[in-house]
Amino acid sequence: MLSDGPGNIGKVYGVYDENAGVEMRGRFIIDPDSVVQAIEILTPPVGRNVLELIRQIQAFQHVRVTNGAEATPTGWRPGKTTLSPGSDLVGKVWEVWKVEHAFD
């Protein structure tokens, strides 16, 4: 997390509002290879969810550690069920991952 008073970084990431002279709230999850994995841009009246940010970072870390052999579905948290990506999963996600898991 950082502050970018002059807007230099915000301009690069497209969140700097030239007319207002400020940045929109932008959140970028960047992996160790400098690849942007997630972007969230919120207007000032909407607050952010730090717990969701932490959950997403944990999910990206898990996928990275498993070299993509496991996927983290909606609402996944460490220790919860993951999915094995592949053609056999196409159209069958809900058979493996039930909606109630998202709220465990």
PDB file of N, CA and C in Angstrom:
ATOM      1  N   MET A   1       0.851  -1.157   0.000  1.00  0.00           N
ATOM      2  CA  MET A   1       0.000   0.000   0.000  1.00  0.00           C
ATOM      3  C   MET A   1       0.906   1.232   0.000  1.00  0.00           C
ATOM      4  N   LEU A   2       0.472   2.233  -0.763  1.00  0.00           N
ATOM      5  CA  LEU A   2       1.296   3.428  -0.834  1.00  0.00           C
ATOM      6  C   LEU A   2       0.440   4.651  -1.112  1.00  0.00           C
ATOM      7  N   SER A   3       1.029   5.782  -0.905  1.00  0.00           N
ATOM      8  CA  SER A   3       0.400   7.054  -1.239  1.00  0.00           C
ATOM      9  C   SER A   3       1.198   7.661  -2.381  1.00  0.00           C
ATOM     10  N   ASP A   4       0.495   8.271  -3.326  1.00  0.00           N
ATOM     11  CA  ASP A   4       1.142   8.785  -4.534  1.00  0.00           C
ATOM     12  C   ASP A   4       0.695  10.225  -4.754  1.00  0.00           C
ATOM     13  N   GLY A   5       1.159  11.128  -3.892  1.00  0.00           N
ATOM     14  CA  GLY A   5       0.753  12.529  -3.937  1.00  0.00           C
ATOM     15  C   GLY A   5       0.770  13.171  -5.315  1.00  0.00           C
ATOM     16  N   PRO A   6       1.891  13.107  -6.043  1.00  0.00           N
ATOM     17  CA  PRO A   6       1.923  13.749  -7.353  1.00  0.00           C
ATOM     18  C   PRO A   6       1.174  12.980  -8.441  1.00  0.00           C
ATOM     19  N   GLY A   7       0.726  11.739  -8.141  1.00  0.00           N
ATOM     20  CA  GLY A   7      -0.034  10.968  -9.114  1.00  0.00           C
ATOM     21  C   GLY A   7       0.794  10.254 -10.157  1.00  0.00           C
ATOM     22  N   ASN A   8       2.104  10.151  -9.947  1.00  0.00           N
ATOM     23  CA  ASN A   8       2.963   9.516 -10.958  1.00  0.00           C
ATOM     24  C   ASN A   8       2.596   8.056 -11.216  1.00  0.00           C
ATOM     25  N   ILE A   9       2.407   7.304 -10.153  1.00  0.00           N
ATOM     26  CA  ILE A   9       2.060   5.888 -10.300  1.00  0.00           C
ATOM     27  C   ILE A   9       0.618   5.756 -10.782  1.00  0.00           C
ATOM     28  N   GLY A  10      -0.271   6.600 -10.249  1.00  0.00           N
ATOM     29  CA  GLY A  10      -1.671   6.583 -10.670  1.00  0.00           C
ATOM     30  C   GLY A  10      -1.832   6.818 -12.155  1.00  0.00           C
ATOM     31  N   LYS A  11      -0.996   7.663 -12.720  1.00  0.00           N
ATOM     32  CA  LYS A  11      -1.056   7.918 -14.165  1.00  0.00           C
ATOM     33  C   LYS A  11      -0.668   6.661 -14.947  1.00  0.00           C
ATOM     34  N   VAL A  12       0.343   5.960 -14.485  1.00  0.00           N
ATOM     35  CA  VAL A  12       0.784   4.735 -15.150  1.00  0.00           C
ATOM     36  C   VAL A  12      -0.320   3.674 -15.131  1.00  0.00           C
ATOM     37  N   TYR A  13      -1.021   3.561 -13.997  1.00  0.00           N
ATOM     38  CA  TYR A  13      -2.056   2.539 -13.842  1.00  0.00           C
ATOM     39  C   TYR A  13      -3.455   3.025 -14.240  1.00  0.00           C
ATOM     40  N   GLY A  14      -3.567   4.243 -14.711  1.00  0.00           N
ATOM     41  CA  GLY A  14      -4.826   4.738 -15.216  1.00  0.00           C
ATOM     42  C   GLY A  14      -5.864   5.098 -14.177  1.00  0.00           C
ATOM     43  N   VAL A  15      -5.436   5.447 -12.964  1.00  0.00           N
ATOM     44  CA  VAL A  15      -6.395   5.806 -11.918  1.00  0.00           C
ATOM     45  C   VAL A  15      -6.282   7.273 -11.487  1.00  0.00           C
ATOM     46  N   TYR A  16      -5.461   8.018 -12.179  1.00  0.00           N
ATOM     47  CA  TYR A  16      -5.296   9.436 -11.840  1.00  0.00           C
ATOM     48  C   TYR A  16      -6.329  10.261 -12.601  1.00  0.00           C
ATOM     49  N   ASP A  17      -7.103  11.056 -11.879  1.00  0.00           N
ATOM     50  CA  ASP A  17      -8.116  11.930 -12.472  1.00  0.00           C
ATOM     51  C   ASP A  17      -7.478  13.297 -12.687  1.00  0.00           C
ATOM     52  N   GLU A  18      -7.089  13.573 -13.927  1.00  0.00           N
ATOM     53  CA  GLU A  18      -6.407  14.835 -14.259  1.00  0.00           C
ATOM     54  C   GLU A  18      -7.257  16.053 -13.893  1.00  0.00           C
ATOM     55  N   ASN A  19      -8.570  15.998 -14.151  1.00  0.00           N
ATOM     56  CA  ASN A  19      -9.445  17.142 -13.888  1.00  0.00           C
ATOM     57  C   ASN A  19      -9.519  17.483 -12.403  1.00  0.00           C
ATOM     58  N   ALA A  20      -9.584  16.448 -11.554  1.00  0.00           N
ATOM     59  CA  ALA A  20      -9.689  16.674 -10.112  1.00  0.00           C
ATOM     60  C   ALA A  20      -8.316  16.777  -9.450  1.00  0.00           C
ATOM     61  N   GLY A  21      -7.283  16.303 -10.134  1.00  0.00           N
ATOM     62  CA  GLY A  21      -5.931  16.336  -9.569  1.00  0.00           C
ATOM     63  C   GLY A  21      -5.724  15.321  -8.454  1.00  0.00           C
ATOM     64  N   VAL A  22      -6.506  14.241  -8.468  1.00  0.00           N
ATOM     65  CA  VAL A  22      -6.392  13.186  -7.451  1.00  0.00           C
ATOM     66  C   VAL A  22      -6.518  11.819  -8.120  1.00  0.00           C
ATOM     67  N   GLU A  23      -6.156  10.804  -7.362  1.00  0.00           N
ATOM     68  CA  GLU A  23      -6.300   9.439  -7.843  1.00  0.00           C
ATOM     69  C   GLU A  23      -7.582   8.823  -7.311  1.00  0.00           C
ATOM     70  N   MET A  24      -8.183   7.964  -8.127  1.00  0.00           N
ATOM     71  CA  MET A  24      -9.273   7.133  -7.635  1.00  0.00           C
ATOM     72  C   MET A  24      -8.640   6.050  -6.771  1.00  0.00           C
ATOM     73  N   ARG A  25      -9.430   5.442  -5.922  1.00  0.00           N
ATOM     74  CA  ARG A  25      -8.896   4.363  -5.091  1.00  0.00           C
ATOM     75  C   ARG A  25      -8.647   3.149  -5.970  1.00  0.00           C
ATOM     76  N   GLY A  26      -7.399   2.814  -6.127  1.00  0.00           N
ATOM     77  CA  GLY A  26      -7.030   1.671  -6.955  1.00  0.00           C
ATOM     78  C   GLY A  26      -6.279   0.648  -6.138  1.00  0.00           C
ATOM     79  N   ARG A  27      -6.618  -0.625  -6.374  1.00  0.00           N
ATOM     80  CA  ARG A  27      -5.918  -1.719  -5.702  1.00  0.00           C
ATOM     81  C   ARG A  27      -5.429  -2.661  -6.783  1.00  0.00           C
ATOM     82  N   PHE A  28      -4.137  -2.950  -6.771  1.00  0.00           N
ATOM     83  CA  PHE A  28      -3.529  -3.813  -7.766  1.00  0.00           C
ATOM     84  C   PHE A  28      -2.751  -4.899  -7.033  1.00  0.00           C
ATOM     85  N   ILE A  29      -3.057  -6.149  -7.334  1.00  0.00           N
ATOM     86  CA  ILE A  29      -2.282  -7.253  -6.771  1.00  0.00           C
ATOM     87  C   ILE A  29      -1.289  -7.655  -7.855  1.00  0.00           C
ATOM     88  N   ILE A  30      -0.006  -7.511  -7.537  1.00  0.00           N
ATOM     89  CA  ILE A  30       1.069  -7.765  -8.492  1.00  0.00           C
ATOM     90  C   ILE A  30       1.900  -8.923  -7.962  1.00  0.00           C
ATOM     91  N   ASP A  31       2.081  -9.950  -8.783  1.00  0.00           N
ATOM     92  CA  ASP A  31       2.801 -11.135  -8.330  1.00  0.00           C
ATOM     93  C   ASP A  31       4.314 -10.907  -8.351  1.00  0.00           C
ATOM     94  N   PRO A  32       5.087 -11.873  -7.820  1.00  0.00           N
ATOM     95  CA  PRO A  32       6.549 -11.716  -7.784  1.00  0.00           C
ATOM     96  C   PRO A  32       7.205 -11.572  -9.147  1.00  0.00           C
ATOM     97  N   ASP A  33       6.490 -11.945 -10.229  1.00  0.00           N
ATOM     98  CA  ASP A  33       7.021 -11.788 -11.579  1.00  0.00           C
ATOM     99  C   ASP A  33       6.611 -10.458 -12.195  1.00  0.00           C
ATOM    100  N   SER A  34       6.039  -9.567 -11.372  1.00  0.00           N
ATOM    101  CA  SER A  34       5.589  -8.232 -11.786  1.00  0.00           C
ATOM    102  C   SER A  34       4.388  -8.263 -12.727  1.00  0.00           C
ATOM    103  N   VAL A  35       3.590  -9.325 -12.647  1.00  0.00           N
ATOM    104  CA  VAL A  35       2.376  -9.449 -13.450  1.00  0.00           C
ATOM    105  C   VAL A  35       1.190  -9.012 -12.588  1.00  0.00           C
ATOM    106  N   VAL A  36       0.387  -8.092 -13.114  1.00  0.00           N
ATOM    107  CA  VAL A  36      -0.807  -7.659 -12.390  1.00  0.00           C
ATOM    108  C   VAL A  36      -1.823  -8.798 -12.448  1.00  0.00           C
ATOM    109  N   GLN A  37      -2.185  -9.322 -11.290  1.00  0.00           N
ATOM    110  CA  GLN A  37      -3.125 -10.439 -11.210  1.00  0.00           C
ATOM    111  C   GLN A  37      -4.554  -9.981 -10.931  1.00  0.00           C
ATOM    112  N   ALA A  38      -4.722  -8.819 -10.283  1.00  0.00           N
ATOM    113  CA  ALA A  38      -6.061  -8.329  -9.956  1.00  0.00           C
ATOM    114  C   ALA A  38      -6.052  -6.811  -9.873  1.00  0.00           C
ATOM    115  N   ILE A  39      -7.182  -6.227 -10.256  1.00  0.00           N
ATOM    116  CA  ILE A  39      -7.355  -4.780 -10.208  1.00  0.00           C
ATOM    117  C   ILE A  39      -8.725  -4.490  -9.620  1.00  0.00           C
ATOM    118  N   GLU A  40      -8.778  -3.526  -8.714  1.00  0.00           N
ATOM    119  CA  GLU A  40     -10.054  -3.034  -8.208  1.00  0.00           C
ATOM    120  C   GLU A  40      -9.953  -1.522  -8.123  1.00  0.00           C
ATOM    121  N   ILE A  41     -10.906  -0.836  -8.751  1.00  0.00           N
ATOM    122  CA  ILE A  41     -10.917   0.626  -8.718  1.00  0.00           C
ATOM    123  C   ILE A  41     -12.265   1.049  -8.163  1.00  0.00           C
ATOM    124  N   LEU A  42     -12.234   1.827  -7.099  1.00  0.00           N
ATOM    125  CA  LEU A  42     -13.452   2.278  -6.430  1.00  0.00           C
ATOM    126  C   LEU A  42     -13.538   3.796  -6.443  1.00  0.00           C
ATOM    127  N   THR A  43     -14.742   4.307  -6.601  1.00  0.00           N
ATOM    128  CA  THR A  43     -14.946   5.749  -6.485  1.00  0.00           C
ATOM    129  C   THR A  43     -14.910   6.112  -5.003  1.00  0.00           C
ATOM    130  N   PRO A  44     -14.588   7.366  -4.667  1.00  0.00           N
ATOM    131  CA  PRO A  44     -14.416   7.750  -3.262  1.00  0.00           C
ATOM    132  C   PRO A  44     -15.560   7.400  -2.305  1.00  0.00           C
ATOM    133  N   PRO A  45     -16.827   7.414  -2.715  1.00  0.00           N
ATOM    134  CA  PRO A  45     -17.871   7.118  -1.735  1.00  0.00           C
ATOM    135  C   PRO A  45     -17.945   5.651  -1.298  1.00  0.00           C
ATOM    136  N   VAL A  46     -17.234   4.756  -1.987  1.00  0.00           N
ATOM    137  CA  VAL A  46     -17.319   3.335  -1.671  1.00  0.00           C
ATOM    138  C   VAL A  46     -16.053   2.894  -0.941  1.00  0.00           C
ATOM    139  N   GLY A  47     -16.234   2.277   0.216  1.00  0.00           N
ATOM    140  CA  GLY A  47     -15.098   1.822   1.018  1.00  0.00           C
ATOM    141  C   GLY A  47     -14.521   0.513   0.518  1.00  0.00           C
ATOM    142  N   ARG A  48     -13.338   0.227   0.975  1.00  0.00           N
ATOM    143  CA  ARG A  48     -12.644  -0.995   0.597  1.00  0.00           C
ATOM    144  C   ARG A  48     -12.803  -2.044   1.690  1.00  0.00           C
ATOM    145  N   ASN A  49     -12.536  -3.292   1.338  1.00  0.00           N
ATOM    146  CA  ASN A  49     -12.631  -4.396   2.278  1.00  0.00           C
ATOM    147  C   ASN A  49     -11.252  -5.036   2.418  1.00  0.00           C
ATOM    148  N   VAL A  50     -10.559  -4.716   3.492  1.00  0.00           N
ATOM    149  CA  VAL A  50      -9.195  -5.208   3.697  1.00  0.00           C
ATOM    150  C   VAL A  50      -9.185  -6.730   3.863  1.00  0.00           C
ATOM    151  N   LEU A  51     -10.201  -7.300   4.513  1.00  0.00           N
ATOM    152  CA  LEU A  51     -10.249  -8.755   4.677  1.00  0.00           C
ATOM    153  C   LEU A  51     -10.375  -9.462   3.329  1.00  0.00           C
ATOM    154  N   GLU A  52     -11.134  -8.874   2.404  1.00  0.00           N
ATOM    155  CA  GLU A  52     -11.247  -9.457   1.064  1.00  0.00           C
ATOM    156  C   GLU A  52      -9.917  -9.350   0.324  1.00  0.00           C
ATOM    157  N   LEU A  53      -9.215  -8.254   0.498  1.00  0.00           N
ATOM    158  CA  LEU A  53      -7.894  -8.100  -0.109  1.00  0.00           C
ATOM    159  C   LEU A  53      -6.957  -9.199   0.390  1.00  0.00           C
ATOM    160  N   ILE A  54      -6.938  -9.422   1.691  1.00  0.00           N
ATOM    161  CA  ILE A  54      -6.072 -10.457   2.271  1.00  0.00           C
ATOM    162  C   ILE A  54      -6.459 -11.831   1.741  1.00  0.00           C
ATOM    163  N   ARG A  55      -7.780 -12.113   1.650  1.00  0.00           N
ATOM    164  CA  ARG A  55      -8.249 -13.393   1.132  1.00  0.00           C
ATOM    165  C   ARG A  55      -7.781 -13.598  -0.312  1.00  0.00           C
ATOM    166  N   GLN A  56      -7.871 -12.555  -1.115  1.00  0.00           N
ATOM    167  CA  GLN A  56      -7.446 -12.668  -2.504  1.00  0.00           C
ATOM    168  C   GLN A  56      -5.940 -12.897  -2.618  1.00  0.00           C
ATOM    169  N   ILE A  57      -5.166 -12.200  -1.810  1.00  0.00           N
ATOM    170  CA  ILE A  57      -3.712 -12.413  -1.823  1.00  0.00           C
ATOM    171  C   ILE A  57      -3.399 -13.860  -1.455  1.00  0.00           C
ATOM    172  N   GLN A  58      -4.072 -14.380  -0.431  1.00  0.00           N
ATOM    173  CA  GLN A  58      -3.856 -15.778  -0.027  1.00  0.00           C
ATOM    174  C   GLN A  58      -4.236 -16.731  -1.164  1.00  0.00           C
ATOM    175  N   ALA A  59      -5.326 -16.432  -1.869  1.00  0.00           N
ATOM    176  CA  ALA A  59      -5.758 -17.279  -2.979  1.00  0.00           C
ATOM    177  C   ALA A  59      -4.726 -17.255  -4.108  1.00  0.00           C
ATOM    178  N   PHE A  60      -4.245 -16.066  -4.462  1.00  0.00           N
ATOM    179  CA  PHE A  60      -3.223 -15.981  -5.515  1.00  0.00           C
ATOM    180  C   PHE A  60      -1.949 -16.709  -5.096  1.00  0.00           C
ATOM    181  N   GLN A  61      -1.569 -16.594  -3.822  1.00  0.00           N
ATOM    182  CA  GLN A  61      -0.386 -17.294  -3.342  1.00  0.00           C
ATOM    183  C   GLN A  61      -0.578 -18.806  -3.430  1.00  0.00           C
ATOM    184  N   HIS A  62      -1.771 -19.279  -3.070  1.00  0.00           N
ATOM    185  CA  HIS A  62      -2.046 -20.718  -3.123  1.00  0.00           C
ATOM    186  C   HIS A  62      -1.964 -21.233  -4.563  1.00  0.00           C
ATOM    187  N   VAL A  63      -2.575 -20.528  -5.484  1.00  0.00           N
ATOM    188  CA  VAL A  63      -2.533 -20.935  -6.890  1.00  0.00           C
ATOM    189  C   VAL A  63      -1.090 -20.952  -7.382  1.00  0.00           C
ATOM    190  N   ARG A  64      -0.314 -19.973  -6.974  1.00  0.00           N
ATOM    191  CA  ARG A  64       1.093 -19.908  -7.392  1.00  0.00           C
ATOM    192  C   ARG A  64       1.887 -21.079  -6.829  1.00  0.00           C
ATOM    193  N   VAL A  65       1.692 -21.387  -5.552  1.00  0.00           N
ATOM    194  CA  VAL A  65       2.420 -22.486  -4.903  1.00  0.00           C
ATOM    195  C   VAL A  65       2.101 -23.820  -5.565  1.00  0.00           C
ATOM    196  N   THR A  66       0.844 -23.981  -6.021  1.00  0.00           N
ATOM    197  CA  THR A  66       0.449 -25.241  -6.662  1.00  0.00           C
ATOM    198  C   THR A  66       0.715 -25.226  -8.170  1.00  0.00           C
ATOM    199  N   ASN A  67       1.375 -24.186  -8.647  1.00  0.00           N
ATOM    200  CA  ASN A  67       1.670 -24.041 -10.077  1.00  0.00           C
ATOM    201  C   ASN A  67       0.416 -24.151 -10.942  1.00  0.00           C
ATOM    202  N   GLY A  68      -0.705 -23.649 -10.419  1.00  0.00           N
ATOM    203  CA  GLY A  68      -1.949 -23.663 -11.171  1.00  0.00           C
ATOM    204  C   GLY A  68      -2.668 -24.994 -11.183  1.00  0.00           C
ATOM    205  N   ALA A  69      -2.163 -25.979 -10.423  1.00  0.00           N
ATOM    206  CA  ALA A  69      -2.820 -27.284 -10.361  1.00  0.00           C
ATOM    207  C   ALA A  69      -4.112 -27.218  -9.544  1.00  0.00           C
ATOM    208  N   GLU A  70      -4.248 -26.171  -8.737  1.00  0.00           N
ATOM    209  CA  GLU A  70      -5.456 -25.969  -7.944  1.00  0.00           C
ATOM    210  C   GLU A  70      -5.976 -24.557  -8.196  1.00  0.00           C
ATOM    211  N   ALA A  71      -7.294 -24.446  -8.274  1.00  0.00           N
ATOM    212  CA  ALA A  71      -7.953 -23.152  -8.429  1.00  0.00           C
ATOM    213  C   ALA A  71      -8.750 -22.858  -7.161  1.00  0.00           C
ATOM    214  N   THR A  72      -8.867 -21.594  -6.827  1.00  0.00           N
ATOM    215  CA  THR A  72      -9.590 -21.203  -5.619  1.00  0.00           C
ATOM    216  C   THR A  72     -10.917 -20.568  -6.003  1.00  0.00           C
ATOM    217  N   PRO A  73     -12.018 -21.254  -5.747  1.00  0.00           N
ATOM    218  CA  PRO A  73     -13.333 -20.747  -6.134  1.00  0.00           C
ATOM    219  C   PRO A  73     -13.782 -19.557  -5.285  1.00  0.00           C
ATOM    220  N   THR A  74     -14.955 -19.057  -5.614  1.00  0.00           N
ATOM    221  CA  THR A  74     -15.565 -17.938  -4.904  1.00  0.00           C
ATOM    222  C   THR A  74     -15.531 -18.144  -3.398  1.00  0.00           C
ATOM    223  N   GLY A  75     -15.053 -17.138  -2.688  1.00  0.00           N
ATOM    224  CA  GLY A  75     -15.047 -17.174  -1.228  1.00  0.00           C
ATOM    225  C   GLY A  75     -14.010 -18.098  -0.612  1.00  0.00           C
ATOM    226  N   TRP A  76     -13.129 -18.679  -1.423  1.00  0.00           N
ATOM    227  CA  TRP A  76     -12.132 -19.609  -0.902  1.00  0.00           C
ATOM    228  C   TRP A  76     -11.281 -18.938   0.171  1.00  0.00           C
ATOM    229  N   ARG A  77     -10.949 -19.744   1.182  1.00  0.00           N
ATOM    230  CA  ARG A  77     -10.014 -19.325   2.230  1.00  0.00           C
ATOM    231  C   ARG A  77      -9.048 -20.475   2.478  1.00  0.00           C
ATOM    232  N   PRO A  78      -7.869 -20.193   3.017  1.00  0.00           N
ATOM    233  CA  PRO A  78      -6.903 -21.262   3.283  1.00  0.00           C
ATOM    234  C   PRO A  78      -7.543 -22.408   4.071  1.00  0.00           C
ATOM    235  N   GLY A  79      -7.283 -23.624   3.617  1.00  0.00           N
ATOM    236  CA  GLY A  79      -7.821 -24.809   4.265  1.00  0.00           C
ATOM    237  C   GLY A  79      -9.139 -25.280   3.678  1.00  0.00           C
ATOM    238  N   LYS A  80      -9.756 -24.476   2.829  1.00  0.00           N
ATOM    239  CA  LYS A  80     -11.037 -24.845   2.221  1.00  0.00           C
ATOM    240  C   LYS A  80     -10.793 -25.603   0.910  1.00  0.00           C
ATOM    241  N   THR A  81     -11.861 -26.177   0.378  1.00  0.00           N
ATOM    242  CA  THR A  81     -11.794 -26.971  -0.835  1.00  0.00           C
ATOM    243  C   THR A  81     -11.334 -26.144  -2.029  1.00  0.00           C
ATOM    244  N   THR A  82     -10.470 -26.727  -2.849  1.00  0.00           N
ATOM    245  CA  THR A  82     -10.038 -26.097  -4.098  1.00  0.00           C
ATOM    246  C   THR A  82     -10.558 -26.935  -5.260  1.00  0.00           C
ATOM    247  N   LEU A  83     -10.384 -26.432  -6.453  1.00  0.00           N
ATOM    248  CA  LEU A  83     -10.782 -27.141  -7.662  1.00  0.00           C
ATOM    249  C   LEU A  83      -9.551 -27.497  -8.471  1.00  0.00           C
ATOM    250  N   SER A  84      -9.638 -28.580  -9.216  1.00  0.00           N
ATOM    251  CA  SER A  84      -8.564 -28.967 -10.130  1.00  0.00           C
ATOM    252  C   SER A  84      -8.980 -28.547 -11.532  1.00  0.00           C
ATOM    253  N   PRO A  85      -8.347 -27.493 -12.074  1.00  0.00           N
ATOM    254  CA  PRO A  85      -8.738 -27.017 -13.397  1.00  0.00           C
ATOM    255  C   PRO A  85      -8.496 -28.080 -14.467  1.00  0.00           C
ATOM    256  N   GLY A  86      -9.368 -28.087 -15.456  1.00  0.00           N
ATOM    257  CA  GLY A  86      -9.203 -29.008 -16.565  1.00  0.00           C
ATOM    258  C   GLY A  86     -10.502 -29.143 -17.327  1.00  0.00           C
ATOM    259  N   SER A  87     -10.426 -29.779 -18.477  1.00  0.00           N
ATOM    260  CA  SER A  87     -11.608 -29.904 -19.327  1.00  0.00           C
ATOM    261  C   SER A  87     -12.705 -30.730 -18.664  1.00  0.00           C
ATOM    262  N   ASP A  88     -12.354 -31.655 -17.778  1.00  0.00           N
ATOM    263  CA  ASP A  88     -13.371 -32.453 -17.106  1.00  0.00           C
ATOM    264  C   ASP A  88     -14.188 -31.635 -16.107  1.00  0.00           C
ATOM    265  N   LEU A  89     -13.742 -30.448 -15.769  1.00  0.00           N
ATOM    266  CA  LEU A  89     -14.453 -29.581 -14.836  1.00  0.00           C
ATOM    267  C   LEU A  89     -15.431 -28.643 -15.548  1.00  0.00           C
ATOM    268  N   VAL A  90     -15.229 -28.440 -16.839  1.00  0.00           N
ATOM    269  CA  VAL A  90     -16.060 -27.512 -17.605  1.00  0.00           C
ATOM    270  C   VAL A  90     -17.520 -27.943 -17.539  1.00  0.00           C
ATOM    271  N   GLY A  91     -18.374 -27.014 -17.124  1.00  0.00           N
ATOM    272  CA  GLY A  91     -19.801 -27.281 -17.010  1.00  0.00           C
ATOM    273  C   GLY A  91     -20.197 -28.080 -15.784  1.00  0.00           C
ATOM    274  N   LYS A  92     -19.225 -28.442 -14.956  1.00  0.00           N
ATOM    275  CA  LYS A  92     -19.515 -29.269 -13.783  1.00  0.00           C
ATOM    276  C   LYS A  92     -19.048 -28.624 -12.481  1.00  0.00           C
ATOM    277  N   VAL A  93     -18.683 -27.347 -12.538  1.00  0.00           N
ATOM    278  CA  VAL A  93     -18.147 -26.681 -11.349  1.00  0.00           C
ATOM    279  C   VAL A  93     -19.103 -26.815 -10.178  1.00  0.00           C
ATOM    280  N   TRP A  94     -20.388 -26.624 -10.409  1.00  0.00           N
ATOM    281  CA  TRP A  94     -21.344 -26.657  -9.289  1.00  0.00           C
ATOM    282  C   TRP A  94     -21.556 -28.047  -8.739  1.00  0.00           C
ATOM    283  N   GLU A  95     -21.176 -29.086  -9.482  1.00  0.00           N
ATOM    284  CA  GLU A  95     -21.226 -30.436  -8.929  1.00  0.00           C
ATOM    285  C   GLU A  95     -20.115 -30.627  -7.901  1.00  0.00           C
ATOM    286  N   VAL A  96     -19.009 -29.930  -8.118  1.00  0.00           N
ATOM    287  CA  VAL A  96     -17.850 -30.047  -7.234  1.00  0.00           C
ATOM    288  C   VAL A  96     -17.896 -28.987  -6.136  1.00  0.00           C
ATOM    289  N   TRP A  97     -18.260 -27.777  -6.521  1.00  0.00           N
ATOM    290  CA  TRP A  97     -18.224 -26.640  -5.613  1.00  0.00           C
ATOM    291  C   TRP A  97     -19.653 -26.153  -5.379  1.00  0.00           C
ATOM    292  N   LYS A  98     -20.186 -26.406  -4.248  1.00  0.00           N
ATOM    293  CA  LYS A  98     -21.566 -26.019  -3.916  1.00  0.00           C
ATOM    294  C   LYS A  98     -21.598 -24.590  -3.401  1.00  0.00           C
ATOM    295  N   VAL A  99     -22.677 -23.902  -3.643  1.00  0.00           N
ATOM    296  CA  VAL A  99     -22.836 -22.492  -3.259  1.00  0.00           C
ATOM    297  C   VAL A  99     -22.578 -22.292  -1.769  1.00  0.00           C
ATOM    298  N   GLU A 100     -22.990 -23.235  -0.946  1.00  0.00           N
ATOM    299  CA  GLU A 100     -22.838 -23.043   0.497  1.00  0.00           C
ATOM    300  C   GLU A 100     -21.370 -22.936   0.927  1.00  0.00           C
ATOM    301  N   HIS A 101     -20.449 -23.470   0.120  1.00  0.00           N
ATOM    302  CA  HIS A 101     -19.033 -23.353   0.458  1.00  0.00           C
ATOM    303  C   HIS A 101     -18.560 -21.903   0.461  1.00  0.00           C
ATOM    304  N   ALA A 102     -19.180 -21.064  -0.357  1.00  0.00           N
ATOM    305  CA  ALA A 102     -18.754 -19.675  -0.463  1.00  0.00           C
ATOM    306  C   ALA A 102     -18.981 -18.918   0.833  1.00  0.00           C
ATOM    307  N   PHE A 103     -19.837 -19.448   1.697  1.00  0.00           N
ATOM    308  CA  PHE A 103     -20.158 -18.729   2.932  1.00  0.00           C
ATOM    309  C   PHE A 103     -19.697 -19.473   4.168  1.00  0.00           C
ATOM    310  N   ASP A 104     -18.857 -20.506   4.008  1.00  0.00           N
ATOM    311  CA  ASP A 104     -18.340 -21.258   5.163  1.00  0.00           C
ATOM    312  C   ASP A 104     -17.531 -20.372   6.070  1.00  0.00           C
TER     313      ASP A 104
END
